[in-house]
Amino acid sequence: VIEKIRMMGFANMPIANPLEIICVECGQRFQMEYHESKCPNCNMIYG
């Protein structure tokens, strides 16, 4: 997913309605605002 959105130029584009994510690595809840985002607690990358 990350490779695809980077290739297509979407990685840094904002998501129309940010998504609430619970990190699979550390359990931190955060708002995913871009098509590629990192958990602010552990830096797990999501796409």
ModelCIF file with pLDDT and N, C-alpha, C, O atoms, coordinates in Angstrom:
data_MODEL
#
_entry.id   MODEL 
#
_entity.id                         1 
_entity.type                       polymer 
_entity.pdbx_number_of_molecules   1 
#
_entity_poly.entity_id                      1 
_entity_poly.type                           'polypeptide(L)' 
_entity_poly.nstd_linkage                   no 
_entity_poly.nstd_monomer                   no 
_entity_poly.pdbx_seq_one_letter_code       VIEKIRMMGFANMPIANPLEIICVECGQRFQMEYHESKCPNCNMIYG 
_entity_poly.pdbx_seq_one_letter_code_can   VIEKIRMMGFANMPIANPLEIICVECGQRFQMEYHESKCPNCNMIYG 
_entity_poly.pdbx_strand_id                 A 
#
loop_
_entity_poly_seq.entity_id 
_entity_poly_seq.num 
_entity_poly_seq.mon_id 
_entity_poly_seq.hetero 
1 1  VAL n 
1 2  ILE n 
1 3  GLU n 
1 4  LYS n 
1 5  ILE n 
1 6  ARG n 
1 7  MET n 
1 8  MET n 
1 9  GLY n 
1 10 PHE n 
1 11 ALA n 
1 12 ASN n 
1 13 MET n 
1 14 PRO n 
1 15 ILE n 
1 16 ALA n 
1 17 ASN n 
1 18 PRO n 
1 19 LEU n 
1 20 GLU n 
1 21 ILE n 
1 22 ILE n 
1 23 CYS n 
1 24 VAL n 
1 25 GLU n 
1 26 CYS n 
1 27 GLY n 
1 28 GLN n 
1 29 ARG n 
1 30 PHE n 
1 31 GLN n 
1 32 MET n 
1 33 GLU n 
1 34 TYR n 
1 35 HIS n 
1 36 GLU n 
1 37 SER n 
1 38 LYS n 
1 39 CYS n 
1 40 PRO n 
1 41 ASN n 
1 42 CYS n 
1 43 ASN n 
1 44 MET n 
1 45 ILE n 
1 46 TYR n 
1 47 GLY n 
#
_struct_asym.id          A 
_struct_asym.entity_id   1 
#
loop_
_ma_qa_metric.id 
_ma_qa_metric.mode 
_ma_qa_metric.name 
_ma_qa_metric.software_group_id 
_ma_qa_metric.type 
1 global pLDDT . pLDDT 
2 local  pLDDT . pLDDT 
#
_ma_qa_metric_global.metric_id      1 
_ma_qa_metric_global.metric_value   96.77 
_ma_qa_metric_global.model_id       1 
_ma_qa_metric_global.ordinal_id     1 
#
loop_
_ma_qa_metric_local.label_asym_id 
_ma_qa_metric_local.label_comp_id 
_ma_qa_metric_local.label_seq_id 
_ma_qa_metric_local.metric_id 
_ma_qa_metric_local.metric_value 
_ma_qa_metric_local.model_id 
_ma_qa_metric_local.ordinal_id 
A VAL 1  2 95.00 1 1  
A ILE 2  2 96.00 1 2  
A GLU 3  2 95.00 1 3  
A LYS 4  2 94.00 1 4  
A ILE 5  2 95.00 1 5  
A ARG 6  2 96.00 1 6  
A MET 7  2 95.00 1 7  
A MET 8  2 93.00 1 8  
A GLY 9  2 96.00 1 9  
A PHE 10 2 96.00 1 10 
A ALA 11 2 97.00 1 11 
A ASN 12 2 97.00 1 12 
A MET 13 2 97.00 1 13 
A PRO 14 2 97.00 1 14 
A ILE 15 2 97.00 1 15 
A ALA 16 2 94.00 1 16 
A ASN 17 2 96.00 1 17 
A PRO 18 2 97.00 1 18 
A LEU 19 2 97.00 1 19 
A GLU 20 2 97.00 1 20 
A ILE 21 2 96.00 1 21 
A ILE 22 2 97.00 1 22 
A CYS 23 2 98.00 1 23 
A VAL 24 2 97.00 1 24 
A GLU 25 2 96.00 1 25 
A CYS 26 2 97.00 1 26 
A GLY 27 2 98.00 1 27 
A GLN 28 2 97.00 1 28 
A ARG 29 2 98.00 1 29 
A PHE 30 2 98.00 1 30 
A GLN 31 2 97.00 1 31 
A MET 32 2 98.00 1 32 
A GLU 33 2 98.00 1 33 
A TYR 34 2 98.00 1 34 
A HIS 35 2 98.00 1 35 
A GLU 36 2 98.00 1 36 
A SER 37 2 98.00 1 37 
A LYS 38 2 97.00 1 38 
A CYS 39 2 98.00 1 39 
A PRO 40 2 97.00 1 40 
A ASN 41 2 97.00 1 41 
A CYS 42 2 97.00 1 42 
A ASN 43 2 97.00 1 43 
A MET 44 2 98.00 1 44 
A ILE 45 2 98.00 1 45 
A TYR 46 2 98.00 1 46 
A GLY 47 2 97.00 1 47 
#
loop_
_atom_site.group_PDB 
_atom_site.id 
_atom_site.type_symbol 
_atom_site.label_atom_id 
_atom_site.label_alt_id 
_atom_site.label_comp_id 
_atom_site.label_asym_id 
_atom_site.label_entity_id 
_atom_site.label_seq_id 
_atom_site.pdbx_PDB_ins_code 
_atom_site.Cartn_x 
_atom_site.Cartn_y 
_atom_site.Cartn_z 
_atom_site.occupancy 
_atom_site.B_iso_or_equiv 
_atom_site.pdbx_formal_charge 
_atom_site.auth_seq_id 
_atom_site.auth_comp_id 
_atom_site.auth_asym_id 
_atom_site.auth_atom_id 
_atom_site.pdbx_PDB_model_num 
ATOM 1   N N  . VAL A 1 1  ? 0.847   -1.195 0.000  1.00 95.00 ? 1  VAL A N  1 
ATOM 2   C CA . VAL A 1 1  ? 0.000   0.000  0.000  1.00 95.00 ? 1  VAL A CA 1 
ATOM 3   C C  . VAL A 1 1  ? 0.883   1.246  0.000  1.00 95.00 ? 1  VAL A C  1 
ATOM 4   O O  . VAL A 1 1  ? 0.656   2.162  -0.791 1.00 95.00 ? 1  VAL A O  1 
ATOM 5   N N  . ILE A 1 2  ? 1.881   1.290  0.873  1.00 96.00 ? 2  ILE A N  1 
ATOM 6   C CA . ILE A 1 2  ? 2.775   2.444  0.965  1.00 96.00 ? 2  ILE A CA 1 
ATOM 7   C C  . ILE A 1 2  ? 3.505   2.658  -0.356 1.00 96.00 ? 2  ILE A C  1 
ATOM 8   O O  . ILE A 1 2  ? 3.590   3.787  -0.838 1.00 96.00 ? 2  ILE A O  1 
ATOM 9   N N  . GLU A 1 3  ? 4.026   1.599  -0.942 1.00 95.00 ? 3  GLU A N  1 
ATOM 10  C CA . GLU A 1 3  ? 4.723   1.728  -2.223 1.00 95.00 ? 3  GLU A CA 1 
ATOM 11  C C  . GLU A 1 3  ? 3.792   2.303  -3.294 1.00 95.00 ? 3  GLU A C  1 
ATOM 12  O O  . GLU A 1 3  ? 4.204   3.154  -4.082 1.00 95.00 ? 3  GLU A O  1 
ATOM 13  N N  . LYS A 1 4  ? 2.556   1.847  -3.324 1.00 94.00 ? 4  LYS A N  1 
ATOM 14  C CA . LYS A 1 4  ? 1.588   2.307  -4.320 1.00 94.00 ? 4  LYS A CA 1 
ATOM 15  C C  . LYS A 1 4  ? 1.232   3.779  -4.120 1.00 94.00 ? 4  LYS A C  1 
ATOM 16  O O  . LYS A 1 4  ? 1.260   4.556  -5.075 1.00 94.00 ? 4  LYS A O  1 
ATOM 17  N N  . ILE A 1 5  ? 0.896   4.172  -2.884 1.00 95.00 ? 5  ILE A N  1 
ATOM 18  C CA . ILE A 1 5  ? 0.493   5.566  -2.684 1.00 95.00 ? 5  ILE A CA 1 
ATOM 19  C C  . ILE A 1 5  ? 1.670   6.520  -2.869 1.00 95.00 ? 5  ILE A C  1 
ATOM 20  O O  . ILE A 1 5  ? 1.473   7.661  -3.287 1.00 95.00 ? 5  ILE A O  1 
ATOM 21  N N  . ARG A 1 6  ? 2.881   6.078  -2.566 1.00 96.00 ? 6  ARG A N  1 
ATOM 22  C CA . ARG A 1 6  ? 4.052   6.919  -2.840 1.00 96.00 ? 6  ARG A CA 1 
ATOM 23  C C  . ARG A 1 6  ? 4.261   7.067  -4.338 1.00 96.00 ? 6  ARG A C  1 
ATOM 24  O O  . ARG A 1 6  ? 4.510   8.169  -4.828 1.00 96.00 ? 6  ARG A O  1 
ATOM 25  N N  . MET A 1 7  ? 4.161   5.966  -5.063 1.00 95.00 ? 7  MET A N  1 
ATOM 26  C CA . MET A 1 7  ? 4.352   5.981  -6.508 1.00 95.00 ? 7  MET A CA 1 
ATOM 27  C C  . MET A 1 7  ? 3.319   6.885  -7.191 1.00 95.00 ? 7  MET A C  1 
ATOM 28  O O  . MET A 1 7  ? 3.645   7.594  -8.143 1.00 95.00 ? 7  MET A O  1 
ATOM 29  N N  . MET A 1 8  ? 2.093   6.858  -6.707 1.00 93.00 ? 8  MET A N  1 
ATOM 30  C CA . MET A 1 8  ? 1.012   7.635  -7.316 1.00 93.00 ? 8  MET A CA 1 
ATOM 31  C C  . MET A 1 8  ? 0.949   9.082  -6.795 1.00 93.00 ? 8  MET A C  1 
ATOM 32  O O  . MET A 1 8  ? 0.163   9.885  -7.297 1.00 93.00 ? 8  MET A O  1 
ATOM 33  N N  . GLY A 1 9  ? 1.765   9.409  -5.802 1.00 96.00 ? 9  GLY A N  1 
ATOM 34  C CA . GLY A 1 9  ? 1.816   10.769 -5.287 1.00 96.00 ? 9  GLY A CA 1 
ATOM 35  C C  . GLY A 1 9  ? 0.753   11.105 -4.247 1.00 96.00 ? 9  GLY A C  1 
ATOM 36  O O  . GLY A 1 9  ? 0.464   12.280 -4.020 1.00 96.00 ? 9  GLY A O  1 
ATOM 37  N N  . PHE A 1 10 ? 0.164   10.086 -3.609 1.00 96.00 ? 10 PHE A N  1 
ATOM 38  C CA . PHE A 1 10 ? -0.897  10.315 -2.628 1.00 96.00 ? 10 PHE A CA 1 
ATOM 39  C C  . PHE A 1 10 ? -0.419  10.312 -1.180 1.00 96.00 ? 10 PHE A C  1 
ATOM 40  O O  . PHE A 1 10 ? -1.185  10.686 -0.292 1.00 96.00 ? 10 PHE A O  1 
ATOM 41  N N  . ALA A 1 11 ? 0.804   9.909  -0.916 1.00 97.00 ? 11 ALA A N  1 
ATOM 42  C CA . ALA A 1 11 ? 1.276   9.698  0.456  1.00 97.00 ? 11 ALA A CA 1 
ATOM 43  C C  . ALA A 1 11 ? 1.071   10.921 1.350  1.00 97.00 ? 11 ALA A C  1 
ATOM 44  O O  . ALA A 1 11 ? 0.662   10.775 2.502  1.00 97.00 ? 11 ALA A O  1 
ATOM 45  N N  . ASN A 1 12 ? 1.345   12.110 0.848  1.00 97.00 ? 12 ASN A N  1 
ATOM 46  C CA . ASN A 1 12 ? 1.258   13.327 1.660  1.00 97.00 ? 12 ASN A CA 1 
ATOM 47  C C  . ASN A 1 12 ? -0.050  14.083 1.464  1.00 97.00 ? 12 ASN A C  1 
ATOM 48  O O  . ASN A 1 12 ? -0.197  15.209 1.941  1.00 97.00 ? 12 ASN A O  1 
ATOM 49  N N  . MET A 1 13 ? -0.988  13.474 0.771  1.00 97.00 ? 13 MET A N  1 
ATOM 50  C CA . MET A 1 13 ? -2.288  14.121 0.568  1.00 97.00 ? 13 MET A CA 1 
ATOM 51  C C  . MET A 1 13 ? -3.196  13.849 1.764  1.00 97.00 ? 13 MET A C  1 
ATOM 52  O O  . MET A 1 13 ? -3.246  12.724 2.260  1.00 97.00 ? 13 MET A O  1 
ATOM 53  N N  . PRO A 1 14 ? -3.914  14.875 2.231  1.00 97.00 ? 14 PRO A N  1 
ATOM 54  C CA . PRO A 1 14 ? -4.796  14.669 3.380  1.00 97.00 ? 14 PRO A CA 1 
ATOM 55  C C  . PRO A 1 14 ? -5.990  13.781 3.028  1.00 97.00 ? 14 PRO A C  1 
ATOM 56  O O  . PRO A 1 14 ? -6.490  13.794 1.903  1.00 97.00 ? 14 PRO A O  1 
ATOM 57  N N  . ILE A 1 15 ? -6.425  13.018 4.014  1.00 97.00 ? 15 ILE A N  1 
ATOM 58  C CA . ILE A 1 15 ? -7.641  12.215 3.897  1.00 97.00 ? 15 ILE A CA 1 
ATOM 59  C C  . ILE A 1 15 ? -8.815  13.157 4.157  1.00 97.00 ? 15 ILE A C  1 
ATOM 60  O O  . ILE A 1 15 ? -8.767  13.961 5.087  1.00 97.00 ? 15 ILE A O  1 
ATOM 61  N N  . ALA A 1 16 ? -9.859  13.065 3.351  1.00 94.00 ? 16 ALA A N  1 
ATOM 62  C CA . ALA A 1 16 ? -11.009 13.973 3.474  1.00 94.00 ? 16 ALA A CA 1 
ATOM 63  C C  . ALA A 1 16 ? -11.583 13.981 4.892  1.00 94.00 ? 16 ALA A C  1 
ATOM 64  O O  . ALA A 1 16 ? -11.855 15.046 5.445  1.00 94.00 ? 16 ALA A O  1 
ATOM 65  N N  . ASN A 1 17 ? -11.765 12.811 5.473  1.00 96.00 ? 17 ASN A N  1 
ATOM 66  C CA . ASN A 1 17 ? -12.249 12.676 6.848  1.00 96.00 ? 17 ASN A CA 1 
ATOM 67  C C  . ASN A 1 17 ? -11.240 11.834 7.613  1.00 96.00 ? 17 ASN A C  1 
ATOM 68  O O  . ASN A 1 17 ? -11.214 10.614 7.452  1.00 96.00 ? 17 ASN A O  1 
ATOM 69  N N  . PRO A 1 18 ? -10.405 12.461 8.447  1.00 97.00 ? 18 PRO A N  1 
ATOM 70  C CA . PRO A 1 18 ? -9.385  11.702 9.179  1.00 97.00 ? 18 PRO A CA 1 
ATOM 71  C C  . PRO A 1 18 ? -9.967  10.477 9.882  1.00 97.00 ? 18 PRO A C  1 
ATOM 72  O O  . PRO A 1 18 ? -11.112 10.476 10.334 1.00 97.00 ? 18 PRO A O  1 
ATOM 73  N N  . LEU A 1 19 ? -9.145  9.448  9.955  1.00 97.00 ? 19 LEU A N  1 
ATOM 74  C CA . LEU A 1 19 ? -9.572  8.170  10.525 1.00 97.00 ? 19 LEU A CA 1 
ATOM 75  C C  . LEU A 1 19 ? -8.946  7.952  11.891 1.00 97.00 ? 19 LEU A C  1 
ATOM 76  O O  . LEU A 1 19 ? -7.777  8.278  12.097 1.00 97.00 ? 19 LEU A O  1 
ATOM 77  N N  . GLU A 1 20 ? -9.698  7.412  12.813 1.00 97.00 ? 20 GLU A N  1 
ATOM 78  C CA . GLU A 1 20 ? -9.154  7.068  14.120 1.00 97.00 ? 20 GLU A CA 1 
ATOM 79  C C  . GLU A 1 20 ? -8.552  5.672  14.031 1.00 97.00 ? 20 GLU A C  1 
ATOM 80  O O  . GLU A 1 20 ? -9.227  4.709  13.665 1.00 97.00 ? 20 GLU A O  1 
ATOM 81  N N  . ILE A 1 21 ? -7.279  5.583  14.371 1.00 96.00 ? 21 ILE A N  1 
ATOM 82  C CA . ILE A 1 21 ? -6.522  4.333  14.264 1.00 96.00 ? 21 ILE A CA 1 
ATOM 83  C C  . ILE A 1 21 ? -6.034  3.936  15.654 1.00 96.00 ? 21 ILE A C  1 
ATOM 84  O O  . ILE A 1 21 ? -5.687  4.791  16.469 1.00 96.00 ? 21 ILE A O  1 
ATOM 85  N N  . ILE A 1 22 ? -6.012  2.640  15.914 1.00 97.00 ? 22 ILE A N  1 
ATOM 86  C CA . ILE A 1 22 ? -5.353  2.110  17.106 1.00 97.00 ? 22 ILE A CA 1 
ATOM 87  C C  . ILE A 1 22 ? -4.131  1.352  16.608 1.00 97.00 ? 22 ILE A C  1 
ATOM 88  O O  . ILE A 1 22 ? -4.255  0.377  15.867 1.00 97.00 ? 22 ILE A O  1 
ATOM 89  N N  . CYS A 1 23 ? -2.967  1.798  17.016 1.00 98.00 ? 23 CYS A N  1 
ATOM 90  C CA . CYS A 1 23 ? -1.718  1.233  16.531 1.00 98.00 ? 23 CYS A CA 1 
ATOM 91  C C  . CYS A 1 23 ? -1.592  -0.242 16.909 1.00 98.00 ? 23 CYS A C  1 
ATOM 92  O O  . CYS A 1 23 ? -1.812  -0.624 18.058 1.00 98.00 ? 23 CYS A O  1 
ATOM 93  N N  . VAL A 1 24 ? -1.237  -1.058 15.924 1.00 97.00 ? 24 VAL A N  1 
ATOM 94  C CA . VAL A 1 24 ? -1.071  -2.495 16.170 1.00 97.00 ? 24 VAL A CA 1 
ATOM 95  C C  . VAL A 1 24 ? 0.205   -2.793 16.939 1.00 97.00 ? 24 VAL A C  1 
ATOM 96  O O  . VAL A 1 24 ? 0.344   -3.871 17.518 1.00 97.00 ? 24 VAL A O  1 
ATOM 97  N N  . GLU A 1 25 ? 1.145   -1.841 16.950 1.00 96.00 ? 25 GLU A N  1 
ATOM 98  C CA . GLU A 1 25 ? 2.429   -2.039 17.618 1.00 96.00 ? 25 GLU A CA 1 
ATOM 99  C C  . GLU A 1 25 ? 2.358   -1.676 19.102 1.00 96.00 ? 25 GLU A C  1 
ATOM 100 O O  . GLU A 1 25 ? 2.800   -2.449 19.952 1.00 96.00 ? 25 GLU A O  1 
ATOM 101 N N  . CYS A 1 26 ? 1.800   -0.495 19.415 1.00 97.00 ? 26 CYS A N  1 
ATOM 102 C CA . CYS A 1 26 ? 1.856   -0.004 20.793 1.00 97.00 ? 26 CYS A CA 1 
ATOM 103 C C  . CYS A 1 26 ? 0.491   0.238  21.433 1.00 97.00 ? 26 CYS A C  1 
ATOM 104 O O  . CYS A 1 26 ? 0.411   0.508  22.631 1.00 97.00 ? 26 CYS A O  1 
ATOM 105 N N  . GLY A 1 27 ? -0.587  0.145  20.645 1.00 98.00 ? 27 GLY A N  1 
ATOM 106 C CA . GLY A 1 27 ? -1.926  0.343  21.184 1.00 98.00 ? 27 GLY A CA 1 
ATOM 107 C C  . GLY A 1 27 ? -2.369  1.793  21.299 1.00 98.00 ? 27 GLY A C  1 
ATOM 108 O O  . GLY A 1 27 ? -3.483  2.065  21.747 1.00 98.00 ? 27 GLY A O  1 
ATOM 109 N N  . GLN A 1 28 ? -1.509  2.730  20.899 1.00 97.00 ? 28 GLN A N  1 
ATOM 110 C CA . GLN A 1 28 ? -1.841  4.159  20.949 1.00 97.00 ? 28 GLN A CA 1 
ATOM 111 C C  . GLN A 1 28 ? -2.958  4.472  19.946 1.00 97.00 ? 28 GLN A C  1 
ATOM 112 O O  . GLN A 1 28 ? -2.927  4.000  18.809 1.00 97.00 ? 28 GLN A O  1 
ATOM 113 N N  . ARG A 1 29 ? -3.927  5.256  20.367 1.00 98.00 ? 29 ARG A N  1 
ATOM 114 C CA . ARG A 1 29 ? -5.008  5.725  19.490 1.00 98.00 ? 29 ARG A CA 1 
ATOM 115 C C  . ARG A 1 29 ? -4.569  7.072  18.900 1.00 98.00 ? 29 ARG A C  1 
ATOM 116 O O  . ARG A 1 29 ? -4.104  7.945  19.632 1.00 98.00 ? 29 ARG A O  1 
ATOM 117 N N  . PHE A 1 30 ? -4.715  7.245  17.570 1.00 98.00 ? 30 PHE A N  1 
ATOM 118 C CA . PHE A 1 30 ? -4.355  8.508  16.941 1.00 98.00 ? 30 PHE A CA 1 
ATOM 119 C C  . PHE A 1 30 ? -5.204  8.765  15.701 1.00 98.00 ? 30 PHE A C  1 
ATOM 120 O O  . PHE A 1 30 ? -5.853  7.859  15.178 1.00 98.00 ? 30 PHE A O  1 
ATOM 121 N N  . GLN A 1 31 ? -5.190  10.009 15.240 1.00 97.00 ? 31 GLN A N  1 
ATOM 122 C CA . GLN A 1 31 ? -5.928  10.398 14.040 1.00 97.00 ? 31 GLN A CA 1 
ATOM 123 C C  . GLN A 1 31 ? -5.013  10.282 12.826 1.00 97.00 ? 31 GLN A C  1 
ATOM 124 O O  . GLN A 1 31 ? -3.954  10.908 12.777 1.00 97.00 ? 31 GLN A O  1 
ATOM 125 N N  . MET A 1 32 ? -5.419  9.488  11.862 1.00 98.00 ? 32 MET A N  1 
ATOM 126 C CA . MET A 1 32 ? -4.693  9.373  10.603 1.00 98.00 ? 32 MET A CA 1 
ATOM 127 C C  . MET A 1 32 ? -5.235  10.462 9.685  1.00 98.00 ? 32 MET A C  1 
ATOM 128 O O  . MET A 1 32 ? -6.392  10.412 9.266  1.00 98.00 ? 32 MET A O  1 
ATOM 129 N N  . GLU A 1 33 ? -4.396  11.445 9.374  1.00 98.00 ? 33 GLU A N  1 
ATOM 130 C CA . GLU A 1 33 ? -4.825  12.596 8.599  1.00 98.00 ? 33 GLU A CA 1 
ATOM 131 C C  . GLU A 1 33 ? -4.348  12.577 7.155  1.00 98.00 ? 33 GLU A C  1 
ATOM 132 O O  . GLU A 1 33 ? -4.888  13.293 6.312  1.00 98.00 ? 33 GLU A O  1 
ATOM 133 N N  . TYR A 1 34 ? -3.338  11.759 6.864  1.00 98.00 ? 34 TYR A N  1 
ATOM 134 C CA . TYR A 1 34 ? -2.780  11.656 5.512  1.00 98.00 ? 34 TYR A CA 1 
ATOM 135 C C  . TYR A 1 34 ? -2.812  10.198 5.063  1.00 98.00 ? 34 TYR A C  1 
ATOM 136 O O  . TYR A 1 34 ? -2.905  9.291  5.890  1.00 98.00 ? 34 TYR A O  1 
ATOM 137 N N  . HIS A 1 35 ? -2.734  9.977  3.766  1.00 98.00 ? 35 HIS A N  1 
ATOM 138 C CA . HIS A 1 35 ? -2.791  8.613  3.248  1.00 98.00 ? 35 HIS A CA 1 
ATOM 139 C C  . HIS A 1 35 ? -1.621  7.760  3.746  1.00 98.00 ? 35 HIS A C  1 
ATOM 140 O O  . HIS A 1 35 ? -1.740  6.539  3.846  1.00 98.00 ? 35 HIS A O  1 
ATOM 141 N N  . GLU A 1 36 ? -0.515  8.390  4.052  1.00 98.00 ? 36 GLU A N  1 
ATOM 142 C CA . GLU A 1 36 ? 0.584   7.735  4.758  1.00 98.00 ? 36 GLU A CA 1 
ATOM 143 C C  . GLU A 1 36 ? 0.776   8.479  6.060  1.00 98.00 ? 36 GLU A C  1 
ATOM 144 O O  . GLU A 1 36 ? 1.019   9.686  6.052  1.00 98.00 ? 36 GLU A O  1 
ATOM 145 N N  . SER A 1 37 ? 0.673   7.787  7.172  1.00 98.00 ? 37 SER A N  1 
ATOM 146 C CA . SER A 1 37 ? 0.802   8.413  8.486  1.00 98.00 ? 37 SER A CA 1 
ATOM 147 C C  . SER A 1 37 ? 1.602   7.514  9.414  1.00 98.00 ? 37 SER A C  1 
ATOM 148 O O  . SER A 1 37 ? 1.710   6.307  9.199  1.00 98.00 ? 37 SER A O  1 
ATOM 149 N N  . LYS A 1 38 ? 2.161   8.126  10.450 1.00 97.00 ? 38 LYS A N  1 
ATOM 150 C CA . LYS A 1 38 ? 2.921   7.379  11.458 1.00 97.00 ? 38 LYS A CA 1 
ATOM 151 C C  . LYS A 1 38 ? 2.244   7.502  12.802 1.00 97.00 ? 38 LYS A C  1 
ATOM 152 O O  . LYS A 1 38 ? 1.670   8.539  13.133 1.00 97.00 ? 38 LYS A O  1 
ATOM 153 N N  . CYS A 1 39 ? 2.316   6.442  13.566 1.00 98.00 ? 39 CYS A N  1 
ATOM 154 C CA . CYS A 1 39 ? 1.882   6.506  14.952 1.00 98.00 ? 39 CYS A CA 1 
ATOM 155 C C  . CYS A 1 39 ? 2.815   7.487  15.670 1.00 98.00 ? 39 CYS A C  1 
ATOM 156 O O  . CYS A 1 39 ? 4.034   7.337  15.584 1.00 98.00 ? 39 CYS A O  1 
ATOM 157 N N  . PRO A 1 40 ? 2.278   8.475  16.369 1.00 97.00 ? 40 PRO A N  1 
ATOM 158 C CA . PRO A 1 40 ? 3.130   9.446  17.050 1.00 97.00 ? 40 PRO A CA 1 
ATOM 159 C C  . PRO A 1 40 ? 3.890   8.869  18.241 1.00 97.00 ? 40 PRO A C  1 
ATOM 160 O O  . PRO A 1 40 ? 4.833   9.485  18.737 1.00 97.00 ? 40 PRO A O  1 
ATOM 161 N N  . ASN A 1 41 ? 3.485   7.701  18.696 1.00 97.00 ? 41 ASN A N  1 
ATOM 162 C CA . ASN A 1 41 ? 4.128   7.095  19.858 1.00 97.00 ? 41 ASN A CA 1 
ATOM 163 C C  . ASN A 1 41 ? 5.294   6.182  19.470 1.00 97.00 ? 41 ASN A C  1 
ATOM 164 O O  . ASN A 1 41 ? 6.355   6.247  20.093 1.00 97.00 ? 41 ASN A O  1 
ATOM 165 N N  . CYS A 1 42 ? 5.114   5.330  18.448 1.00 97.00 ? 42 CYS A N  1 
ATOM 166 C CA . CYS A 1 42 ? 6.148   4.335  18.126 1.00 97.00 ? 42 CYS A CA 1 
ATOM 167 C C  . CYS A 1 42 ? 6.650   4.397  16.685 1.00 97.00 ? 42 CYS A C  1 
ATOM 168 O O  . CYS A 1 42 ? 7.546   3.639  16.314 1.00 97.00 ? 42 CYS A O  1 
ATOM 169 N N  . ASN A 1 43 ? 6.090   5.285  15.869 1.00 97.00 ? 43 ASN A N  1 
ATOM 170 C CA . ASN A 1 43 ? 6.496   5.485  14.477 1.00 97.00 ? 43 ASN A CA 1 
ATOM 171 C C  . ASN A 1 43 ? 6.134   4.353  13.517 1.00 97.00 ? 43 ASN A C  1 
ATOM 172 O O  . ASN A 1 43 ? 6.723   4.251  12.441 1.00 97.00 ? 43 ASN A O  1 
ATOM 173 N N  . MET A 1 44 ? 5.178   3.504  13.886 1.00 98.00 ? 44 MET A N  1 
ATOM 174 C CA . MET A 1 44 ? 4.669   2.515  12.945 1.00 98.00 ? 44 MET A CA 1 
ATOM 175 C C  . MET A 1 44 ? 4.013   3.275  11.794 1.00 98.00 ? 44 MET A C  1 
ATOM 176 O O  . MET A 1 44 ? 3.237   4.202  12.023 1.00 98.00 ? 44 MET A O  1 
ATOM 177 N N  . ILE A 1 45 ? 4.324   2.882  10.555 1.00 98.00 ? 45 ILE A N  1 
ATOM 178 C CA . ILE A 1 45 ? 3.788   3.554  9.372  1.00 98.00 ? 45 ILE A CA 1 
ATOM 179 C C  . ILE A 1 45 ? 2.510   2.849  8.924  1.00 98.00 ? 45 ILE A C  1 
ATOM 180 O O  . ILE A 1 45 ? 2.431   1.621  8.890  1.00 98.00 ? 45 ILE A O  1 
ATOM 181 N N  . TYR A 1 46 ? 1.523   3.657  8.584  1.00 98.00 ? 46 TYR A N  1 
ATOM 182 C CA . TYR A 1 46 ? 0.227   3.155  8.106  1.00 98.00 ? 46 TYR A CA 1 
ATOM 183 C C  . TYR A 1 46 ? -0.087  3.763  6.755  1.00 98.00 ? 46 TYR A C  1 
ATOM 184 O O  . TYR A 1 46 ? 0.298   4.897  6.470  1.00 98.00 ? 46 TYR A O  1 
ATOM 185 N N  . GLY A 1 47 ? -0.791  3.003  5.920  1.00 97.00 ? 47 GLY A N  1 
ATOM 186 C CA . GLY A 1 47 ? -1.181  3.521  4.620  1.00 97.00 ? 47 GLY A CA 1 
ATOM 187 C C  . GLY A 1 47 ? -2.575  3.093  4.228  1.00 97.00 ? 47 GLY A C  1 
ATOM 188 O O  . GLY A 1 47 ? -3.052  3.452  3.152  1.00 97.00 ? 47 GLY A O  1 
#
